[in-house]
Amino acid sequence: MGQLFYGTTSESIQIPDRLLSHLKVVATTKLRRSESFTLSWAHVDGTPGRSTIWLQPAIPMRFVFDSAEPEALNPRVLKDMADMANSSAGLVVDLNAEIPTAEAPARAAATRGTAPAARRPSLSVAA
């Protein structure tokens, strides 16, 4: 379980490493462009409710991962998260969601009559 330290507080937000890895890429990309957005999640620690934080470049953030090895990122999940972060609702994440590993690119069909491989449905990162 990774941790997101937000602002100057010593309290962290507990986020699974795999989700935190994807969140780090989306957040740093947007903040590097000076694009602010909200991040929301439902509480999973037994506390009722949900939380939302406003992410903007002037507020310090630190990402801490349990694993020393970086996670393999799923491009489809990154795109879905970036699109959601760009929406008026902001980025809403499900802390219990399993993020699938990236699918291998489909190989070119050997013959013209061969249908392309079916794509598996992508993970919804919305709560």
N, C-alpha and C. Protein backbone atom coordinates (compact mmCIF):
# COMPACT_ATOMS: atom_id res chain seq x y z
N MET A 1 0.84 -1.17 0.00
CA MET A 1 0.00 0.00 0.00
C MET A 1 0.89 1.23 0.00
N GLY A 2 0.71 2.07 -1.00
CA GLY A 2 1.49 3.29 -1.10
C GLY A 2 0.85 4.42 -0.31
N GLN A 3 1.53 5.54 -0.30
CA GLN A 3 1.04 6.70 0.44
C GLN A 3 1.20 7.95 -0.41
N LEU A 4 0.19 8.80 -0.36
CA LEU A 4 0.25 10.11 -1.00
C LEU A 4 0.24 11.13 0.13
N PHE A 5 1.32 11.89 0.22
CA PHE A 5 1.39 12.99 1.19
C PHE A 5 1.03 14.25 0.43
N TYR A 6 0.02 14.96 0.94
CA TYR A 6 -0.52 16.11 0.25
C TYR A 6 -0.44 17.33 1.15
N GLY A 7 0.12 18.40 0.64
CA GLY A 7 0.27 19.60 1.45
C GLY A 7 1.37 19.42 2.47
N THR A 8 1.27 20.14 3.58
CA THR A 8 2.32 20.11 4.60
C THR A 8 1.99 19.18 5.76
N THR A 9 0.86 18.47 5.68
CA THR A 9 0.48 17.56 6.75
C THR A 9 1.36 16.30 6.74
N SER A 10 1.54 15.72 7.91
CA SER A 10 2.31 14.48 7.98
C SER A 10 1.41 13.26 7.80
N GLU A 11 0.10 13.49 7.73
CA GLU A 11 -0.87 12.42 7.51
C GLU A 11 -0.87 12.07 6.02
N SER A 12 -0.93 10.76 5.72
CA SER A 12 -0.91 10.36 4.31
C SER A 12 -2.25 9.75 3.90
N ILE A 13 -2.44 9.71 2.60
CA ILE A 13 -3.61 9.05 2.01
C ILE A 13 -3.11 7.69 1.53
N GLN A 14 -3.71 6.60 1.99
CA GLN A 14 -3.30 5.25 1.64
C GLN A 14 -3.91 4.87 0.28
N ILE A 15 -3.05 4.56 -0.68
CA ILE A 15 -3.48 4.20 -2.03
C ILE A 15 -2.64 3.00 -2.48
N PRO A 16 -3.27 1.97 -3.05
CA PRO A 16 -2.49 0.83 -3.54
C PRO A 16 -1.39 1.28 -4.52
N ASP A 17 -0.23 0.65 -4.43
CA ASP A 17 0.92 1.02 -5.26
C ASP A 17 0.58 1.12 -6.74
N ARG A 18 -0.15 0.15 -7.26
CA ARG A 18 -0.44 0.13 -8.70
C ARG A 18 -1.27 1.35 -9.10
N LEU A 19 -2.30 1.66 -8.32
CA LEU A 19 -3.12 2.84 -8.58
C LEU A 19 -2.31 4.12 -8.38
N LEU A 20 -1.50 4.16 -7.34
CA LEU A 20 -0.68 5.33 -7.06
C LEU A 20 0.31 5.60 -8.19
N SER A 21 0.84 4.55 -8.80
CA SER A 21 1.76 4.72 -9.93
C SER A 21 1.07 5.41 -11.10
N HIS A 22 -0.15 4.99 -11.38
CA HIS A 22 -0.91 5.62 -12.47
C HIS A 22 -1.31 7.05 -12.09
N LEU A 23 -1.72 7.24 -10.85
CA LEU A 23 -2.10 8.56 -10.38
C LEU A 23 -0.91 9.52 -10.46
N LYS A 24 0.27 9.06 -10.11
CA LYS A 24 1.47 9.89 -10.16
C LYS A 24 1.71 10.43 -11.56
N VAL A 25 1.58 9.58 -12.56
CA VAL A 25 1.81 10.00 -13.94
C VAL A 25 0.78 11.04 -14.36
N VAL A 26 -0.49 10.77 -14.08
CA VAL A 26 -1.56 11.70 -14.47
C VAL A 26 -1.40 13.04 -13.73
N ALA A 27 -1.18 12.99 -12.43
CA ALA A 27 -1.07 14.21 -11.64
C ALA A 27 0.14 15.05 -12.04
N THR A 28 1.29 14.41 -12.18
CA THR A 28 2.48 15.18 -12.52
C THR A 28 2.40 15.75 -13.92
N THR A 29 1.78 15.03 -14.83
CA THR A 29 1.61 15.56 -16.19
C THR A 29 0.72 16.81 -16.16
N LYS A 30 -0.40 16.74 -15.47
CA LYS A 30 -1.31 17.88 -15.41
C LYS A 30 -0.67 19.06 -14.65
N LEU A 31 -0.04 18.79 -13.54
CA LEU A 31 0.54 19.86 -12.74
C LEU A 31 1.74 20.51 -13.43
N ARG A 32 2.47 19.74 -14.20
CA ARG A 32 3.58 20.29 -14.98
C ARG A 32 3.07 21.31 -15.99
N ARG A 33 1.83 21.11 -16.43
CA ARG A 33 1.19 22.04 -17.39
C ARG A 33 0.42 23.14 -16.67
N SER A 34 0.54 23.21 -15.35
CA SER A 34 -0.19 24.16 -14.51
C SER A 34 -1.70 23.98 -14.60
N GLU A 35 -2.14 22.74 -14.75
CA GLU A 35 -3.56 22.40 -14.80
C GLU A 35 -3.98 21.82 -13.45
N SER A 36 -4.83 22.53 -12.75
CA SER A 36 -5.35 22.06 -11.46
C SER A 36 -6.56 21.16 -11.68
N PHE A 37 -6.84 20.28 -10.72
CA PHE A 37 -7.99 19.37 -10.82
C PHE A 37 -8.29 18.79 -9.45
N THR A 38 -9.46 18.15 -9.34
CA THR A 38 -9.81 17.49 -8.08
C THR A 38 -9.55 15.99 -8.18
N LEU A 39 -9.25 15.39 -7.05
CA LEU A 39 -9.08 13.95 -6.91
C LEU A 39 -10.03 13.51 -5.80
N SER A 40 -10.92 12.56 -6.11
CA SER A 40 -11.91 12.08 -5.14
C SER A 40 -11.85 10.57 -5.01
N TRP A 41 -12.22 10.08 -3.82
CA TRP A 41 -12.28 8.64 -3.57
C TRP A 41 -13.25 8.39 -2.42
N ALA A 42 -13.85 7.20 -2.42
CA ALA A 42 -14.69 6.77 -1.31
C ALA A 42 -13.79 6.17 -0.24
N HIS A 43 -14.11 6.42 1.01
CA HIS A 43 -13.32 5.87 2.11
C HIS A 43 -13.47 4.36 2.16
N VAL A 44 -12.37 3.67 2.38
CA VAL A 44 -12.39 2.20 2.46
C VAL A 44 -11.88 1.70 3.81
N ASP A 45 -11.58 2.61 4.72
CA ASP A 45 -11.02 2.22 6.01
C ASP A 45 -12.08 2.07 7.10
N GLY A 46 -13.34 1.96 6.69
CA GLY A 46 -14.42 1.83 7.65
C GLY A 46 -15.07 3.16 7.99
N THR A 47 -14.43 4.25 7.62
CA THR A 47 -15.00 5.58 7.83
C THR A 47 -16.01 5.84 6.73
N PRO A 48 -17.23 6.25 7.07
CA PRO A 48 -18.20 6.51 6.01
C PRO A 48 -17.85 7.77 5.22
N GLY A 49 -18.29 7.80 3.99
CA GLY A 49 -18.13 9.01 3.18
C GLY A 49 -17.06 8.91 2.13
N ARG A 50 -16.69 10.07 1.63
CA ARG A 50 -15.68 10.18 0.59
C ARG A 50 -14.89 11.45 0.81
N SER A 51 -13.76 11.56 0.14
CA SER A 51 -12.90 12.74 0.25
C SER A 51 -12.58 13.27 -1.13
N THR A 52 -12.34 14.56 -1.19
CA THR A 52 -11.89 15.22 -2.42
C THR A 52 -10.79 16.20 -2.04
N ILE A 53 -9.72 16.21 -2.81
CA ILE A 53 -8.67 17.20 -2.62
C ILE A 53 -8.48 17.96 -3.93
N TRP A 54 -8.05 19.20 -3.80
CA TRP A 54 -7.77 20.06 -4.95
C TRP A 54 -6.27 19.99 -5.21
N LEU A 55 -5.90 19.50 -6.39
CA LEU A 55 -4.49 19.40 -6.75
C LEU A 55 -4.13 20.58 -7.63
N GLN A 56 -3.11 21.30 -7.21
CA GLN A 56 -2.61 22.42 -8.00
C GLN A 56 -1.11 22.56 -7.75
N PRO A 57 -0.38 23.17 -8.67
CA PRO A 57 1.08 23.16 -8.62
C PRO A 57 1.72 23.71 -7.35
N ALA A 58 1.08 24.64 -6.65
CA ALA A 58 1.69 25.26 -5.47
C ALA A 58 1.60 24.40 -4.22
N ILE A 59 0.81 23.33 -4.26
CA ILE A 59 0.65 22.47 -3.08
C ILE A 59 1.60 21.28 -3.21
N PRO A 60 2.49 21.09 -2.23
CA PRO A 60 3.46 19.97 -2.35
C PRO A 60 2.79 18.61 -2.24
N MET A 61 3.32 17.66 -3.02
CA MET A 61 2.86 16.27 -2.97
C MET A 61 4.09 15.37 -2.96
N ARG A 62 3.93 14.24 -2.27
CA ARG A 62 5.00 13.24 -2.26
C ARG A 62 4.36 11.87 -2.39
N PHE A 63 4.89 11.06 -3.29
CA PHE A 63 4.39 9.71 -3.54
C PHE A 63 5.37 8.73 -2.91
N VAL A 64 4.88 7.85 -2.04
CA VAL A 64 5.73 6.85 -1.39
C VAL A 64 5.16 5.48 -1.72
N PHE A 65 6.01 4.61 -2.26
CA PHE A 65 5.58 3.27 -2.69
C PHE A 65 6.18 2.21 -1.78
N ASP A 66 5.40 1.16 -1.51
CA ASP A 66 5.93 0.04 -0.75
C ASP A 66 6.97 -0.74 -1.55
N SER A 67 6.71 -0.88 -2.83
CA SER A 67 7.60 -1.65 -3.70
C SER A 67 8.74 -0.78 -4.22
N ALA A 68 9.94 -1.35 -4.23
CA ALA A 68 11.08 -0.63 -4.79
C ALA A 68 11.05 -0.65 -6.31
N GLU A 69 10.37 -1.64 -6.88
CA GLU A 69 10.28 -1.77 -8.34
C GLU A 69 9.10 -0.96 -8.87
N PRO A 70 9.31 -0.21 -9.95
CA PRO A 70 8.18 0.54 -10.52
C PRO A 70 7.14 -0.39 -11.14
N GLU A 71 5.89 0.02 -11.07
CA GLU A 71 4.80 -0.75 -11.65
C GLU A 71 4.79 -0.57 -13.17
N ALA A 72 4.39 -1.61 -13.89
CA ALA A 72 4.16 -1.49 -15.33
C ALA A 72 2.85 -0.74 -15.50
N LEU A 73 2.87 0.31 -16.29
CA LEU A 73 1.69 1.14 -16.46
C LEU A 73 0.82 0.66 -17.61
N ASN A 74 -0.49 0.80 -17.44
CA ASN A 74 -1.46 0.43 -18.46
C ASN A 74 -1.85 1.71 -19.21
N PRO A 75 -1.49 1.83 -20.49
CA PRO A 75 -1.77 3.06 -21.24
C PRO A 75 -3.26 3.40 -21.31
N ARG A 76 -4.11 2.39 -21.41
CA ARG A 76 -5.55 2.65 -21.49
C ARG A 76 -6.07 3.25 -20.18
N VAL A 77 -5.60 2.73 -19.05
CA VAL A 77 -6.01 3.25 -17.76
C VAL A 77 -5.48 4.68 -17.58
N LEU A 78 -4.26 4.93 -18.01
CA LEU A 78 -3.71 6.29 -17.94
C LEU A 78 -4.57 7.26 -18.74
N LYS A 79 -4.97 6.87 -19.94
CA LYS A 79 -5.80 7.74 -20.78
C LYS A 79 -7.15 7.98 -20.13
N ASP A 80 -7.77 6.92 -19.60
CA ASP A 80 -9.07 7.06 -18.94
C ASP A 80 -8.96 8.00 -17.73
N MET A 81 -7.89 7.86 -16.95
CA MET A 81 -7.70 8.71 -15.78
C MET A 81 -7.46 10.16 -16.20
N ALA A 82 -6.65 10.36 -17.24
CA ALA A 82 -6.37 11.72 -17.71
C ALA A 82 -7.64 12.38 -18.23
N ASP A 83 -8.45 11.62 -18.98
CA ASP A 83 -9.71 12.15 -19.49
C ASP A 83 -10.63 12.55 -18.34
N MET A 84 -10.69 11.71 -17.31
CA MET A 84 -11.54 12.00 -16.16
C MET A 84 -11.02 13.24 -15.41
N ALA A 85 -9.71 13.34 -15.26
CA ALA A 85 -9.12 14.50 -14.58
C ALA A 85 -9.41 15.79 -15.34
N ASN A 86 -9.58 15.70 -16.64
CA ASN A 86 -9.89 16.87 -17.46
C ASN A 86 -11.36 17.25 -17.41
N SER A 87 -12.21 16.41 -16.83
CA SER A 87 -13.64 16.68 -16.79
C SER A 87 -13.99 17.60 -15.61
N SER A 88 -15.18 18.14 -15.63
CA SER A 88 -15.61 19.01 -14.53
C SER A 88 -15.79 18.23 -13.22
N ALA A 89 -15.99 16.93 -13.30
CA ALA A 89 -16.13 16.10 -12.09
C ALA A 89 -14.77 15.80 -11.47
N GLY A 90 -13.70 15.96 -12.22
CA GLY A 90 -12.37 15.65 -11.72
C GLY A 90 -12.10 14.15 -11.76
N LEU A 91 -10.96 13.77 -11.23
CA LEU A 91 -10.55 12.37 -11.22
C LEU A 91 -11.14 11.68 -10.00
N VAL A 92 -11.97 10.66 -10.25
CA VAL A 92 -12.58 9.87 -9.18
C VAL A 92 -11.99 8.47 -9.27
N VAL A 93 -11.35 8.02 -8.20
CA VAL A 93 -10.70 6.71 -8.22
C VAL A 93 -11.37 5.77 -7.23
N ASP A 94 -11.33 4.49 -7.57
CA ASP A 94 -11.82 3.43 -6.71
C ASP A 94 -10.60 2.77 -6.08
N LEU A 95 -10.42 2.92 -4.79
CA LEU A 95 -9.23 2.39 -4.12
C LEU A 95 -9.19 0.87 -4.09
N ASN A 96 -10.32 0.22 -4.38
CA ASN A 96 -10.37 -1.24 -4.39
C ASN A 96 -10.29 -1.83 -5.80
N ALA A 97 -10.22 -0.99 -6.81
CA ALA A 97 -10.22 -1.48 -8.19
C ALA A 97 -8.90 -2.16 -8.53
N GLU A 98 -9.00 -3.22 -9.30
CA GLU A 98 -7.81 -3.91 -9.80
C GLU A 98 -7.48 -3.31 -11.17
N ILE A 99 -6.28 -2.83 -11.33
CA ILE A 99 -5.87 -2.28 -12.62
C ILE A 99 -5.19 -3.39 -13.40
N PRO A 100 -5.74 -3.73 -14.57
CA PRO A 100 -5.15 -4.81 -15.35
C PRO A 100 -3.79 -4.42 -15.91
N THR A 101 -2.98 -5.43 -16.19
CA THR A 101 -1.71 -5.15 -16.84
C THR A 101 -2.00 -4.75 -18.28
N ALA A 102 -1.08 -4.07 -18.89
CA ALA A 102 -1.28 -3.61 -20.28
C ALA A 102 -1.36 -4.81 -21.20
N GLU A 103 -2.26 -4.71 -22.15
CA GLU A 103 -2.40 -5.78 -23.14
C GLU A 103 -1.28 -5.66 -24.16
N ALA A 104 -0.84 -6.79 -24.65
CA ALA A 104 0.16 -6.78 -25.71
C ALA A 104 -0.50 -6.22 -26.97
N PRO A 105 0.24 -5.45 -27.77
CA PRO A 105 -0.36 -4.92 -28.99
C PRO A 105 -0.78 -6.05 -29.92
N ALA A 106 -1.90 -5.86 -30.59
CA ALA A 106 -2.41 -6.88 -31.51
C ALA A 106 -1.45 -7.01 -32.68
N ARG A 107 -1.19 -8.25 -33.07
CA ARG A 107 -0.31 -8.49 -34.22
C ARG A 107 -1.09 -8.26 -35.50
N ALA A 108 -0.36 -7.89 -36.52
CA ALA A 108 -1.00 -7.70 -37.82
C ALA A 108 -1.56 -9.04 -38.28
N ALA A 109 -2.72 -8.99 -38.87
CA ALA A 109 -3.36 -10.21 -39.36
C ALA A 109 -2.50 -10.82 -40.47
N ALA A 110 -2.40 -12.16 -40.44
CA ALA A 110 -1.59 -12.85 -41.44
C ALA A 110 -2.22 -12.75 -42.83
N THR A 111 -3.54 -12.74 -42.87
CA THR A 111 -4.22 -12.60 -44.15
C THR A 111 -5.26 -11.50 -44.03
N ARG A 112 -5.71 -10.99 -45.15
CA ARG A 112 -6.68 -9.90 -45.14
C ARG A 112 -8.02 -10.32 -44.56
N GLY A 113 -8.38 -11.55 -44.66
CA GLY A 113 -9.69 -11.99 -44.20
C GLY A 113 -9.76 -12.26 -42.72
N THR A 114 -8.66 -12.16 -41.99
CA THR A 114 -8.64 -12.45 -40.57
C THR A 114 -9.15 -11.26 -39.78
N ALA A 115 -10.09 -11.50 -38.88
CA ALA A 115 -10.63 -10.42 -38.06
C ALA A 115 -9.64 -10.07 -36.96
N PRO A 116 -9.58 -8.80 -36.54
CA PRO A 116 -8.67 -8.43 -35.45
C PRO A 116 -9.11 -9.05 -34.13
N ALA A 117 -8.16 -9.22 -33.26
CA ALA A 117 -8.45 -9.80 -31.94
C ALA A 117 -9.39 -8.88 -31.17
N ALA A 118 -10.31 -9.48 -30.43
CA ALA A 118 -11.26 -8.70 -29.63
C ALA A 118 -10.53 -8.08 -28.45
N ARG A 119 -10.89 -6.86 -28.11
CA ARG A 119 -10.28 -6.18 -26.97
C ARG A 119 -11.09 -6.48 -25.71
N ARG A 120 -10.39 -6.69 -24.62
CA ARG A 120 -11.07 -6.86 -23.34
C ARG A 120 -11.55 -5.50 -22.87
N PRO A 121 -12.65 -5.47 -22.14
CA PRO A 121 -13.11 -4.18 -21.63
C PRO A 121 -12.09 -3.58 -20.67
N SER A 122 -11.94 -2.26 -20.71
CA SER A 122 -10.97 -1.62 -19.84
C SER A 122 -11.54 -1.43 -18.44
N LEU A 123 -10.67 -1.26 -17.50
CA LEU A 123 -11.04 -1.07 -16.10
C LEU A 123 -11.65 0.30 -15.92
N SER A 124 -12.73 0.35 -15.22
CA SER A 124 -13.32 1.65 -14.85
C SER A 124 -12.68 2.08 -13.56
N VAL A 125 -12.05 3.25 -13.55
CA VAL A 125 -11.41 3.73 -12.34
C VAL A 125 -12.34 4.63 -11.55
N ALA A 126 -13.55 4.82 -12.03
CA ALA A 126 -14.52 5.64 -11.29
C ALA A 126 -15.13 4.85 -10.17
N ALA A 127 -15.48 5.52 -9.10
CA ALA A 127 -16.12 4.86 -7.97
C ALA A 127 -17.58 4.61 -8.27
